[in-house]
Amino acid sequence: MTYKIEVDVLEAVQDFYPGLAEEDATKIAESIVNKWDYTQMYNGIADDITWYADSFLIDLEGKDGYVEEVEPDRFNRDAGSIARQRLVNNNIHVLNPPDSPLFP
């Protein structure tokens, strides 16, 4: 099973406005796809992850791949302990947006 959500934007435009000419619907769909902002979608997924994890009693604490860097105090100054407190895995997600002027 794959875990993808896909939308045929042209089909969606035609569902909402079935009386549009094909050319007009295509122009609108192309503009939507070229200028799409994935931020809202990703924020929604992040919110859903938290909600479902809470529902299933899954603890997400410390599982995001980020370890908070803590300034050494007077009792903990050695380089090894400082290095262990640094970022272990920055968990950066790179999206491949469509070619458009908004995504140079």
Protein backbone atom coordinates (compact mmCIF):
# COMPACT_ATOMS: atom_id res chain seq x y z
CA MET A 1 0.00 0.00 0.00
CA THR A 2 1.23 3.48 -0.79
CA TYR A 3 0.43 6.46 1.36
CA LYS A 4 -0.09 9.22 -1.18
CA ILE A 5 -2.80 11.81 -1.62
CA GLU A 6 -3.19 12.89 -5.22
CA VAL A 7 -5.64 15.32 -6.79
CA ASP A 8 -6.35 15.78 -10.47
CA VAL A 9 -6.68 19.56 -10.40
CA LEU A 10 -8.22 19.79 -13.88
CA GLU A 11 -10.86 17.27 -12.85
CA ALA A 12 -11.53 19.22 -9.65
CA VAL A 13 -11.99 22.48 -11.62
CA GLN A 14 -14.38 20.69 -13.95
CA ASP A 15 -16.27 19.16 -10.99
CA PHE A 16 -16.77 22.58 -9.42
CA TYR A 17 -17.56 24.31 -12.73
CA PRO A 18 -18.78 21.76 -15.27
CA GLY A 19 -19.93 24.53 -17.62
CA LEU A 20 -16.40 25.87 -18.19
CA ALA A 21 -14.86 25.44 -21.62
CA GLU A 22 -11.98 22.90 -21.65
CA GLU A 23 -9.48 25.64 -22.50
CA ASP A 24 -10.60 27.83 -19.58
CA ALA A 25 -10.60 24.93 -17.14
CA THR A 26 -7.10 23.97 -18.30
CA LYS A 27 -5.80 27.54 -17.82
CA ILE A 28 -7.20 27.66 -14.30
CA ALA A 29 -5.87 24.19 -13.39
CA GLU A 30 -2.41 25.00 -14.75
CA SER A 31 -2.27 28.23 -12.73
CA ILE A 32 -3.34 26.45 -9.55
CA VAL A 33 -0.68 23.75 -9.99
CA ASN A 34 2.09 26.24 -10.88
CA LYS A 35 1.38 28.44 -7.87
CA TRP A 36 0.50 25.78 -5.32
CA ASP A 37 1.80 26.37 -1.79
CA TYR A 38 2.50 23.11 0.03
CA THR A 39 2.82 24.82 3.42
CA GLN A 40 -0.83 24.49 4.40
CA MET A 41 -0.92 20.83 3.37
CA TYR A 42 2.23 19.98 5.32
CA ASN A 43 1.03 21.88 8.38
CA GLY A 44 -2.22 19.90 8.21
CA ILE A 45 -0.30 16.63 8.03
CA ALA A 46 1.84 17.68 11.00
CA ASP A 47 -1.31 18.47 13.00
CA ASP A 48 -2.84 15.12 12.00
CA ILE A 49 0.30 13.24 13.06
CA THR A 50 0.06 14.76 16.52
CA TRP A 51 -3.69 14.14 16.78
CA TYR A 52 -3.49 10.49 15.70
CA ALA A 53 -0.44 9.81 17.84
CA ASP A 54 -2.35 11.14 20.85
CA SER A 55 -5.39 9.03 19.88
CA PHE A 56 -3.27 5.87 19.63
CA LEU A 57 -1.28 6.75 22.77
CA ILE A 58 1.92 6.96 20.72
CA ASP A 59 4.59 9.07 22.40
CA LEU A 60 6.27 11.41 19.90
CA GLU A 61 8.58 13.02 22.44
CA GLY A 62 12.20 12.85 21.28
CA LYS A 63 11.32 11.05 18.03
CA ASP A 64 11.55 14.03 15.67
CA GLY A 65 15.26 13.52 15.05
CA TYR A 66 16.23 16.72 16.85
CA VAL A 67 18.24 16.85 20.03
CA GLU A 68 18.17 20.21 21.74
CA GLU A 69 21.59 21.77 22.14
CA VAL A 70 22.17 22.52 25.80
CA GLU A 71 24.79 25.00 26.90
CA PRO A 72 27.31 23.31 29.17
CA ASP A 73 27.14 24.32 32.78
CA ARG A 74 30.02 24.43 35.23
CA PHE A 75 29.63 20.71 35.94
CA ASN A 76 29.50 19.62 32.31
CA ARG A 77 32.21 21.27 30.19
CA ASP A 78 33.91 18.43 28.31
CA ALA A 79 33.76 18.47 24.51
CA GLY A 80 32.38 14.92 24.26
CA SER A 81 29.28 15.66 26.29
CA ILE A 82 28.72 18.89 24.34
CA ALA A 83 28.99 17.03 21.03
CA ARG A 84 26.48 14.40 22.19
CA GLN A 85 23.98 17.15 22.92
CA ARG A 86 24.18 18.61 19.41
CA LEU A 87 21.82 17.95 16.59
CA VAL A 88 21.87 14.25 15.71
CA ASN A 89 19.58 14.27 12.70
CA ASN A 90 18.07 17.51 11.47
CA ASN A 91 15.13 15.73 9.78
CA ILE A 92 14.83 18.22 6.89
CA HIS A 93 12.29 17.39 4.20
CA VAL A 94 13.00 18.64 0.69
CA LEU A 95 9.99 19.04 -1.55
CA ASN A 96 10.23 18.97 -5.32
CA PRO A 97 7.83 21.72 -6.35
CA PRO A 98 6.80 22.10 -9.97
CA ASP A 99 8.78 24.42 -12.23
CA SER A 100 7.32 27.89 -11.82
CA PRO A 101 8.45 31.46 -11.20
CA LEU A 102 7.52 30.96 -7.53
CA PHE A 103 10.06 28.15 -7.15
CA PRO A 104 13.29 29.38 -8.77
